[in-house]
Amino acid sequence: MKINPLAAFLMGALFLSSVSAAGFAIWHVISVRAVYKMQPQLAEINVVVARTQMLINEAMEYRKHNPAIDPILQTVNPRASLPASAPTKSPGK
């Protein structure tokens, strides 16, 4: 019985394709499980970021009423340039 070389090649390609598909399916399931395990940590991080942003916004709002907080804000983040205080209107001519 003679084996057709084309048929043997196609059977080998089919076998490799099915093995790689099974491997990728297992890898996908493992990755999805890892992502689901990280969801609570992500939620905690989002809460911390939101609270921090609220604190920054509150400090910037307080700065409008009391610019004496500027040195404190600059020590927290010296790279950030603070916007100028509310400009006062100069008397017109």
PDB file of N, CA and C in Angstrom:
ATOM      1  N   MET A   1       0.836  -1.164   0.000  1.00  0.00           N
ATOM      2  CA  MET A   1       0.000   0.000   0.000  1.00  0.00           C
ATOM      3  C   MET A   1       0.890   1.240   0.000  1.00  0.00           C
ATOM      4  N   LYS A   2       0.708   2.092  -0.984  1.00  0.00           N
ATOM      5  CA  LYS A   2       1.492   3.310  -1.101  1.00  0.00           C
ATOM      6  C   LYS A   2       0.731   4.463  -0.455  1.00  0.00           C
ATOM      7  N   ILE A   3       1.490   5.336   0.235  1.00  0.00           N
ATOM      8  CA  ILE A   3       0.902   6.515   0.877  1.00  0.00           C
ATOM      9  C   ILE A   3       1.203   7.726   0.002  1.00  0.00           C
ATOM     10  N   ASN A   4       0.189   8.437  -0.306  1.00  0.00           N
ATOM     11  CA  ASN A   4       0.332   9.645  -1.113  1.00  0.00           C
ATOM     12  C   ASN A   4       1.093  10.694  -0.282  1.00  0.00           C
ATOM     13  N   PRO A   5       2.193  11.277  -0.781  1.00  0.00           N
ATOM     14  CA  PRO A   5       2.952  12.264   0.000  1.00  0.00           C
ATOM     15  C   PRO A   5       2.133  13.521   0.318  1.00  0.00           C
ATOM     16  N   LEU A   6       1.280  13.936  -0.602  1.00  0.00           N
ATOM     17  CA  LEU A   6       0.450  15.115  -0.349  1.00  0.00           C
ATOM     18  C   LEU A   6      -0.523  14.851   0.802  1.00  0.00           C
ATOM     19  N   ALA A   7      -1.108  13.667   0.818  1.00  0.00           N
ATOM     20  CA  ALA A   7      -2.041  13.319   1.890  1.00  0.00           C
ATOM     21  C   ALA A   7      -1.316  13.253   3.228  1.00  0.00           C
ATOM     22  N   ALA A   8      -0.096  12.720   3.255  1.00  0.00           N
ATOM     23  CA  ALA A   8       0.682  12.647   4.499  1.00  0.00           C
ATOM     24  C   ALA A   8       1.023  14.049   4.999  1.00  0.00           C
ATOM     25  N   PHE A   9       1.416  14.926   4.075  1.00  0.00           N
ATOM     26  CA  PHE A   9       1.736  16.306   4.456  1.00  0.00           C
ATOM     27  C   PHE A   9       0.502  17.012   5.019  1.00  0.00           C
ATOM     28  N   LEU A  10      -0.643  16.843   4.362  1.00  0.00           N
ATOM     29  CA  LEU A  10      -1.873  17.478   4.831  1.00  0.00           C
ATOM     30  C   LEU A  10      -2.314  16.929   6.184  1.00  0.00           C
ATOM     31  N   MET A  11      -2.125  15.627   6.396  1.00  0.00           N
ATOM     32  CA  MET A  11      -2.469  15.043   7.703  1.00  0.00           C
ATOM     33  C   MET A  11      -1.558  15.603   8.795  1.00  0.00           C
ATOM     34  N   GLY A  12      -0.287  15.756   8.492  1.00  0.00           N
ATOM     35  CA  GLY A  12       0.644  16.353   9.459  1.00  0.00           C
ATOM     36  C   GLY A  12       0.288  17.791   9.772  1.00  0.00           C
ATOM     37  N   ALA A  13      -0.052  18.554   8.729  1.00  0.00           N
ATOM     38  CA  ALA A  13      -0.446  19.943   8.940  1.00  0.00           C
ATOM     39  C   ALA A  13      -1.725  20.019   9.772  1.00  0.00           C
ATOM     40  N   LEU A  14      -2.667  19.135   9.507  1.00  0.00           N
ATOM     41  CA  LEU A  14      -3.904  19.101  10.287  1.00  0.00           C
ATOM     42  C   LEU A  14      -3.627  18.771  11.747  1.00  0.00           C
ATOM     43  N   PHE A  15      -2.733  17.812  11.982  1.00  0.00           N
ATOM     44  CA  PHE A  15      -2.377  17.436  13.351  1.00  0.00           C
ATOM     45  C   PHE A  15      -1.720  18.606  14.084  1.00  0.00           C
ATOM     46  N   LEU A  16      -0.757  19.267  13.438  1.00  0.00           N
ATOM     47  CA  LEU A  16      -0.088  20.407  14.075  1.00  0.00           C
ATOM     48  C   LEU A  16      -1.067  21.555  14.323  1.00  0.00           C
ATOM     49  N   SER A  17      -1.962  21.775  13.390  1.00  0.00           N
ATOM     50  CA  SER A  17      -2.953  22.826  13.554  1.00  0.00           C
ATOM     51  C   SER A  17      -3.877  22.543  14.728  1.00  0.00           C
ATOM     52  N   SER A  18      -4.315  21.314  14.861  1.00  0.00           N
ATOM     53  CA  SER A  18      -5.219  20.971  15.969  1.00  0.00           C
ATOM     54  C   SER A  18      -4.505  21.029  17.315  1.00  0.00           C
ATOM     55  N   VAL A  19      -3.255  20.610  17.366  1.00  0.00           N
ATOM     56  CA  VAL A  19      -2.495  20.676  18.624  1.00  0.00           C
ATOM     57  C   VAL A  19      -2.263  22.127  19.018  1.00  0.00           C
ATOM     58  N   SER A  20      -1.908  22.970  18.043  1.00  0.00           N
ATOM     59  CA  SER A  20      -1.689  24.380  18.372  1.00  0.00           C
ATOM     60  C   SER A  20      -2.993  25.062  18.779  1.00  0.00           C
ATOM     61  N   ALA A  21      -4.099  24.722  18.156  1.00  0.00           N
ATOM     62  CA  ALA A  21      -5.393  25.297  18.538  1.00  0.00           C
ATOM     63  C   ALA A  21      -5.762  24.906  19.960  1.00  0.00           C
ATOM     64  N   ALA A  22      -5.514  23.667  20.321  1.00  0.00           N
ATOM     65  CA  ALA A  22      -5.797  23.224  21.690  1.00  0.00           C
ATOM     66  C   ALA A  22      -4.900  23.968  22.686  1.00  0.00           C
ATOM     67  N   GLY A  23      -3.640  24.150  22.327  1.00  0.00           N
ATOM     68  CA  GLY A  23      -2.717  24.888  23.197  1.00  0.00           C
ATOM     69  C   GLY A  23      -3.153  26.329  23.389  1.00  0.00           C
ATOM     70  N   PHE A  24      -3.552  26.984  22.292  1.00  0.00           N
ATOM     71  CA  PHE A  24      -4.024  28.361  22.399  1.00  0.00           C
ATOM     72  C   PHE A  24      -5.317  28.453  23.199  1.00  0.00           C
ATOM     73  N   ALA A  25      -6.192  27.474  23.097  1.00  0.00           N
ATOM     74  CA  ALA A  25      -7.428  27.476  23.879  1.00  0.00           C
ATOM     75  C   ALA A  25      -7.123  27.364  25.370  1.00  0.00           C
ATOM     76  N   ILE A  26      -6.197  26.497  25.730  1.00  0.00           N
ATOM     77  CA  ILE A  26      -5.812  26.352  27.139  1.00  0.00           C
ATOM     78  C   ILE A  26      -5.170  27.642  27.643  1.00  0.00           C
ATOM     79  N   TRP A  27      -4.297  28.234  26.833  1.00  0.00           N
ATOM     80  CA  TRP A  27      -3.638  29.486  27.203  1.00  0.00           C
ATOM     81  C   TRP A  27      -4.674  30.593  27.409  1.00  0.00           C
ATOM     82  N   HIS A  28      -5.682  30.644  26.555  1.00  0.00           N
ATOM     83  CA  HIS A  28      -6.737  31.647  26.674  1.00  0.00           C
ATOM     84  C   HIS A  28      -7.524  31.465  27.970  1.00  0.00           C
ATOM     85  N   VAL A  29      -7.875  30.247  28.304  1.00  0.00           N
ATOM     86  CA  VAL A  29      -8.636  29.981  29.533  1.00  0.00           C
ATOM     87  C   VAL A  29      -7.820  30.405  30.755  1.00  0.00           C
ATOM     88  N   ILE A  30      -6.541  30.089  30.766  1.00  0.00           N
ATOM     89  CA  ILE A  30      -5.684  30.470  31.895  1.00  0.00           C
ATOM     90  C   ILE A  30      -5.589  31.992  32.003  1.00  0.00           C
ATOM     91  N   SER A  31      -5.458  32.665  30.873  1.00  0.00           N
ATOM     92  CA  SER A  31      -5.353  34.131  30.873  1.00  0.00           C
ATOM     93  C   SER A  31      -6.636  34.777  31.365  1.00  0.00           C
ATOM     94  N   VAL A  32      -7.768  34.267  30.938  1.00  0.00           N
ATOM     95  CA  VAL A  32      -9.049  34.838  31.363  1.00  0.00           C
ATOM     96  C   VAL A  32      -9.238  34.638  32.862  1.00  0.00           C
ATOM     97  N   ARG A  33      -8.848  33.505  33.385  1.00  0.00           N
ATOM     98  CA  ARG A  33      -8.945  33.281  34.836  1.00  0.00           C
ATOM     99  C   ARG A  33      -8.070  34.267  35.594  1.00  0.00           C
ATOM    100  N   ALA A  34      -6.881  34.546  35.078  1.00  0.00           N
ATOM    101  CA  ALA A  34      -5.992  35.504  35.733  1.00  0.00           C
ATOM    102  C   ALA A  34      -6.597  36.905  35.724  1.00  0.00           C
ATOM    103  N   VAL A  35      -7.238  37.271  34.625  1.00  0.00           N
ATOM    104  CA  VAL A  35      -7.878  38.587  34.539  1.00  0.00           C
ATOM    105  C   VAL A  35      -9.021  38.678  35.543  1.00  0.00           C
ATOM    106  N   TYR A  36      -9.821  37.637  35.664  1.00  0.00           N
ATOM    107  CA  TYR A  36     -10.926  37.652  36.619  1.00  0.00           C
ATOM    108  C   TYR A  36     -10.426  37.746  38.055  1.00  0.00           C
ATOM    109  N   LYS A  37      -9.277  37.156  38.337  1.00  0.00           N
ATOM    110  CA  LYS A  37      -8.716  37.260  39.681  1.00  0.00           C
ATOM    111  C   LYS A  37      -8.232  38.671  39.978  1.00  0.00           C
ATOM    112  N   MET A  38      -7.872  39.431  38.940  1.00  0.00           N
ATOM    113  CA  MET A  38      -7.364  40.791  39.128  1.00  0.00           C
ATOM    114  C   MET A  38      -8.470  41.836  39.227  1.00  0.00           C
ATOM    115  N   GLN A  39      -9.697  41.499  38.923  1.00  0.00           N
ATOM    116  CA  GLN A  39     -10.786  42.467  38.923  1.00  0.00           C
ATOM    117  C   GLN A  39     -10.974  43.168  40.272  1.00  0.00           C
ATOM    118  N   PRO A  40     -10.955  42.470  41.421  1.00  0.00           N
ATOM    119  CA  PRO A  40     -11.110  43.188  42.697  1.00  0.00           C
ATOM    120  C   PRO A  40      -9.972  44.179  42.950  1.00  0.00           C
ATOM    121  N   GLN A  41      -8.752  43.817  42.587  1.00  0.00           N
ATOM    122  CA  GLN A  41      -7.623  44.733  42.759  1.00  0.00           C
ATOM    123  C   GLN A  41      -7.797  45.963  41.881  1.00  0.00           C
ATOM    124  N   LEU A  42      -8.263  45.768  40.677  1.00  0.00           N
ATOM    125  CA  LEU A  42      -8.496  46.884  39.770  1.00  0.00           C
ATOM    126  C   LEU A  42      -9.569  47.811  40.323  1.00  0.00           C
ATOM    127  N   ALA A  43     -10.606  47.253  40.902  1.00  0.00           N
ATOM    128  CA  ALA A  43     -11.666  48.071  41.489  1.00  0.00           C
ATOM    129  C   ALA A  43     -11.118  48.899  42.656  1.00  0.00           C
ATOM    130  N   GLU A  44     -10.276  48.302  43.487  1.00  0.00           N
ATOM    131  CA  GLU A  44      -9.674  49.040  44.597  1.00  0.00           C
ATOM    132  C   GLU A  44      -8.793  50.174  44.089  1.00  0.00           C
ATOM    133  N   ILE A  45      -8.025  49.904  43.062  1.00  0.00           N
ATOM    134  CA  ILE A  45      -7.150  50.936  42.496  1.00  0.00           C
ATOM    135  C   ILE A  45      -7.989  52.076  41.930  1.00  0.00           C
ATOM    136  N   ASN A  46      -9.076  51.764  41.268  1.00  0.00           N
ATOM    137  CA  ASN A  46      -9.939  52.806  40.718  1.00  0.00           C
ATOM    138  C   ASN A  46     -10.551  53.665  41.818  1.00  0.00           C
ATOM    139  N   VAL A  47     -10.897  53.063  42.949  1.00  0.00           N
ATOM    140  CA  VAL A  47     -11.442  53.831  44.074  1.00  0.00           C
ATOM    141  C   VAL A  47     -10.382  54.775  44.618  1.00  0.00           C
ATOM    142  N   VAL A  48      -9.152  54.285  44.774  1.00  0.00           N
ATOM    143  CA  VAL A  48      -8.070  55.124  45.290  1.00  0.00           C
ATOM    144  C   VAL A  48      -7.793  56.283  44.328  1.00  0.00           C
ATOM    145  N   VAL A  49      -7.773  56.003  43.044  1.00  0.00           N
ATOM    146  CA  VAL A  49      -7.526  57.059  42.057  1.00  0.00           C
ATOM    147  C   VAL A  49      -8.642  58.096  42.102  1.00  0.00           C
ATOM    148  N   ALA A  50      -9.874  57.661  42.213  1.00  0.00           N
ATOM    149  CA  ALA A  50     -11.003  58.602  42.263  1.00  0.00           C
ATOM    150  C   ALA A  50     -10.930  59.467  43.519  1.00  0.00           C
ATOM    151  N   ARG A  51     -10.612  58.861  44.654  1.00  0.00           N
ATOM    152  CA  ARG A  51     -10.511  59.637  45.900  1.00  0.00           C
ATOM    153  C   ARG A  51      -9.356  60.630  45.826  1.00  0.00           C
ATOM    154  N   THR A  52      -8.246  60.220  45.245  1.00  0.00           N
ATOM    155  CA  THR A  52      -7.104  61.115  45.097  1.00  0.00           C
ATOM    156  C   THR A  52      -7.457  62.285  44.188  1.00  0.00           C
ATOM    157  N   GLN A  53      -8.146  62.006  43.112  1.00  0.00           N
ATOM    158  CA  GLN A  53      -8.557  63.082  42.197  1.00  0.00           C
ATOM    159  C   GLN A  53      -9.514  64.042  42.890  1.00  0.00           C
ATOM    160  N   MET A  54     -10.420  63.509  43.712  1.00  0.00           N
ATOM    161  CA  MET A  54     -11.332  64.381  44.455  1.00  0.00           C
ATOM    162  C   MET A  54     -10.555  65.276  45.419  1.00  0.00           C
ATOM    163  N   LEU A  55      -9.528  64.712  46.080  1.00  0.00           N
ATOM    164  CA  LEU A  55      -8.714  65.493  47.007  1.00  0.00           C
ATOM    165  C   LEU A  55      -7.954  66.586  46.274  1.00  0.00           C
ATOM    166  N   ILE A  56      -7.416  66.266  45.104  1.00  0.00           N
ATOM    167  CA  ILE A  56      -6.700  67.267  44.313  1.00  0.00           C
ATOM    168  C   ILE A  56      -7.655  68.374  43.882  1.00  0.00           C
ATOM    169  N   ASN A  57      -8.819  67.996  43.403  1.00  0.00           N
ATOM    170  CA  ASN A  57      -9.806  69.003  42.983  1.00  0.00           C
ATOM    171  C   ASN A  57     -10.216  69.899  44.145  1.00  0.00           C
ATOM    172  N   GLU A  58     -10.388  69.298  45.315  1.00  0.00           N
ATOM    173  CA  GLU A  58     -10.770  70.082  46.488  1.00  0.00           C
ATOM    174  C   GLU A  58      -9.657  71.045  46.881  1.00  0.00           C
ATOM    175  N   ALA A  59      -8.414  70.593  46.813  1.00  0.00           N
ATOM    176  CA  ALA A  59      -7.286  71.466  47.139  1.00  0.00           C
ATOM    177  C   ALA A  59      -7.176  72.616  46.146  1.00  0.00           C
ATOM    178  N   MET A  60      -7.407  72.336  44.874  1.00  0.00           N
ATOM    179  CA  MET A  60      -7.341  73.401  43.875  1.00  0.00           C
ATOM    180  C   MET A  60      -8.501  74.384  44.043  1.00  0.00           C
ATOM    181  N   GLU A  61      -9.648  73.892  44.448  1.00  0.00           N
ATOM    182  CA  GLU A  61     -10.782  74.784  44.710  1.00  0.00           C
ATOM    183  C   GLU A  61     -10.503  75.639  45.941  1.00  0.00           C
ATOM    184  N   TYR A  62      -9.914  75.045  46.980  1.00  0.00           N
ATOM    185  CA  TYR A  62      -9.569  75.785  48.189  1.00  0.00           C
ATOM    186  C   TYR A  62      -8.519  76.845  47.879  1.00  0.00           C
ATOM    187  N   ARG A  63      -7.657  76.547  46.929  1.00  0.00           N
ATOM    188  CA  ARG A  63      -6.596  77.467  46.543  1.00  0.00           C
ATOM    189  C   ARG A  63      -7.175  78.767  45.994  1.00  0.00           C
ATOM    190  N   LYS A  64      -8.331  78.694  45.367  1.00  0.00           N
ATOM    191  CA  LYS A  64      -8.957  79.907  44.832  1.00  0.00           C
ATOM    192  C   LYS A  64      -9.330  80.879  45.945  1.00  0.00           C
ATOM    193  N   HIS A  65      -9.690  80.343  47.118  1.00  0.00           N
ATOM    194  CA  HIS A  65     -10.099  81.187  48.240  1.00  0.00           C
ATOM    195  C   HIS A  65      -8.930  81.540  49.147  1.00  0.00           C
ATOM    196  N   ASN A  66      -7.923  80.701  49.198  1.00  0.00           N
ATOM    197  CA  ASN A  66      -6.789  80.927  50.089  1.00  0.00           C
ATOM    198  C   ASN A  66      -5.503  80.525  49.366  1.00  0.00           C
ATOM    199  N   PRO A  67      -4.846  81.463  48.684  1.00  0.00           N
ATOM    200  CA  PRO A  67      -3.639  81.122  47.929  1.00  0.00           C
ATOM    201  C   PRO A  67      -2.440  80.776  48.813  1.00  0.00           C
ATOM    202  N   ALA A  68      -2.582  80.870  50.144  1.00  0.00           N
ATOM    203  CA  ALA A  68      -1.476  80.521  51.026  1.00  0.00           C
ATOM    204  C   ALA A  68      -1.157  79.026  50.967  1.00  0.00           C
ATOM    205  N   ILE A  69      -2.004  78.226  50.349  1.00  0.00           N
ATOM    206  CA  ILE A  69      -1.778  76.788  50.248  1.00  0.00           C
ATOM    207  C   ILE A  69      -0.807  76.444  49.110  1.00  0.00           C
ATOM    208  N   ASP A  70      -0.458  77.448  48.287  1.00  0.00           N
ATOM    209  CA  ASP A  70       0.427  77.203  47.143  1.00  0.00           C
ATOM    210  C   ASP A  70       1.744  76.529  47.520  1.00  0.00           C
ATOM    211  N   PRO A  71       2.455  76.982  48.563  1.00  0.00           N
ATOM    212  CA  PRO A  71       3.721  76.295  48.893  1.00  0.00           C
ATOM    213  C   PRO A  71       3.524  74.820  49.247  1.00  0.00           C
ATOM    214  N   ILE A  72       2.416  74.504  49.886  1.00  0.00           N
ATOM    215  CA  ILE A  72       2.148  73.112  50.237  1.00  0.00           C
ATOM    216  C   ILE A  72       1.884  72.296  48.976  1.00  0.00           C
ATOM    217  N   LEU A  73       1.101  72.856  48.067  1.00  0.00           N
ATOM    218  CA  LEU A  73       0.804  72.150  46.820  1.00  0.00           C
ATOM    219  C   LEU A  73       2.065  71.959  45.988  1.00  0.00           C
ATOM    220  N   GLN A  74       2.962  72.921  46.020  1.00  0.00           N
ATOM    221  CA  GLN A  74       4.191  72.793  45.248  1.00  0.00           C
ATOM    222  C   GLN A  74       5.130  71.757  45.860  1.00  0.00           C
ATOM    223  N   THR A  75       5.100  71.572  47.172  1.00  0.00           N
ATOM    224  CA  THR A  75       5.944  70.537  47.779  1.00  0.00           C
ATOM    225  C   THR A  75       5.434  69.150  47.448  1.00  0.00           C
ATOM    226  N   VAL A  76       4.146  69.028  47.249  1.00  0.00           N
ATOM    227  CA  VAL A  76       3.584  67.728  46.900  1.00  0.00           C
ATOM    228  C   VAL A  76       3.953  67.356  45.474  1.00  0.00           C
ATOM    229  N   ASN A  77       3.873  68.313  44.571  1.00  0.00           N
ATOM    230  CA  ASN A  77       4.205  68.054  43.172  1.00  0.00           C
ATOM    231  C   ASN A  77       4.917  69.285  42.612  1.00  0.00           C
ATOM    232  N   PRO A  78       6.234  69.369  42.786  1.00  0.00           N
ATOM    233  CA  PRO A  78       6.946  70.581  42.365  1.00  0.00           C
ATOM    234  C   PRO A  78       7.006  70.757  40.850  1.00  0.00           C
ATOM    235  N   ARG A  79       6.826  69.697  40.090  1.00  0.00           N
ATOM    236  CA  ARG A  79       6.900  69.811  38.632  1.00  0.00           C
ATOM    237  C   ARG A  79       5.660  70.475  38.052  1.00  0.00           C
ATOM    238  N   ALA A  80       4.551  70.351  38.755  1.00  0.00           N
ATOM    239  CA  ALA A  80       3.303  70.919  38.228  1.00  0.00           C
ATOM    240  C   ALA A  80       3.291  72.421  38.498  1.00  0.00           C
ATOM    241  N   SER A  81       3.126  73.175  37.473  1.00  0.00           N
ATOM    242  CA  SER A  81       3.030  74.615  37.661  1.00  0.00           C
ATOM    243  C   SER A  81       1.575  74.947  37.988  1.00  0.00           C
ATOM    244  N   LEU A  82       1.408  75.667  39.046  1.00  0.00           N
ATOM    245  CA  LEU A  82       0.059  76.020  39.468  1.00  0.00           C
ATOM    246  C   LEU A  82      -0.441  77.183  38.626  1.00  0.00           C
ATOM    247  N   PRO A  83      -1.704  77.169  38.245  1.00  0.00           N
ATOM    248  CA  PRO A  83      -2.235  78.290  37.479  1.00  0.00           C
ATOM    249  C   PRO A  83      -2.267  79.534  38.347  1.00  0.00           C
ATOM    250  N   ALA A  84      -2.188  80.667  37.718  1.00  0.00           N
ATOM    251  CA  ALA A  84      -2.189  81.920  38.460  1.00  0.00           C
ATOM    252  C   ALA A  84      -3.506  82.085  39.200  1.00  0.00           C
ATOM    253  N   SER A  85      -3.418  82.835  40.307  1.00  0.00           N
ATOM    254  CA  SER A  85      -4.626  83.094  41.073  1.00  0.00           C
ATOM    255  C   SER A  85      -5.594  83.903  40.232  1.00  0.00           C
ATOM    256  N   ALA A  86      -6.814  83.989  40.692  1.00  0.00           N
ATOM    257  CA  ALA A  86      -7.836  84.704  39.932  1.00  0.00           C
ATOM    258  C   ALA A  86      -7.375  86.132  39.714  1.00  0.00           C
ATOM    259  N   PRO A  87      -7.324  86.565  38.468  1.00  0.00           N
ATOM    260  CA  PRO A  87      -6.829  87.913  38.183  1.00  0.00           C
ATOM    261  C   PRO A  87      -7.791  88.969  38.713  1.00  0.00           C
ATOM    262  N   THR A  88      -7.184  90.040  39.220  1.00  0.00           N
ATOM    263  CA  THR A  88      -8.017  91.156  39.701  1.00  0.00           C
ATOM    264  C   THR A  88      -8.150  92.156  38.566  1.00  0.00           C
ATOM    265  N   LYS A  89      -9.291  92.761  38.494  1.00  0.00           N
ATOM    266  CA  LYS A  89      -9.525  93.740  37.442  1.00  0.00           C
ATOM    267  C   LYS A  89      -8.855  95.060  37.794  1.00  0.00           C
ATOM    268  N   SER A  90      -8.129  95.575  36.828  1.00  0.00           N
ATOM    269  CA  SER A  90      -7.503  96.880  37.052  1.00  0.00           C
ATOM    270  C   SER A  90      -8.522  97.970  36.715  1.00  0.00           C
ATOM    271  N   PRO A  91      -8.413  99.087  37.399  1.00  0.00           N
ATOM    272  CA  PRO A  91      -9.380 100.146  37.129  1.00  0.00           C
ATOM    273  C   PRO A  91      -9.233 100.657  35.711  1.00  0.00           C
ATOM    274  N   GLY A  92     -10.333 100.896  35.092  1.00  0.00           N
ATOM    275  CA  GLY A  92     -10.333 101.376  33.719  1.00  0.00           C
ATOM    276  C   GLY A  92     -10.048 102.860  33.631  1.00  0.00           C
ATOM    277  N   LYS A  93      -9.849 103.386  32.441  1.00  0.00           N
ATOM    278  CA  LYS A  93      -9.556 104.805  32.253  1.00  0.00           C
ATOM    279  C   LYS A  93     -10.791 105.646  32.331  1.00  0.00           C
TER     280      LYS A  93
END
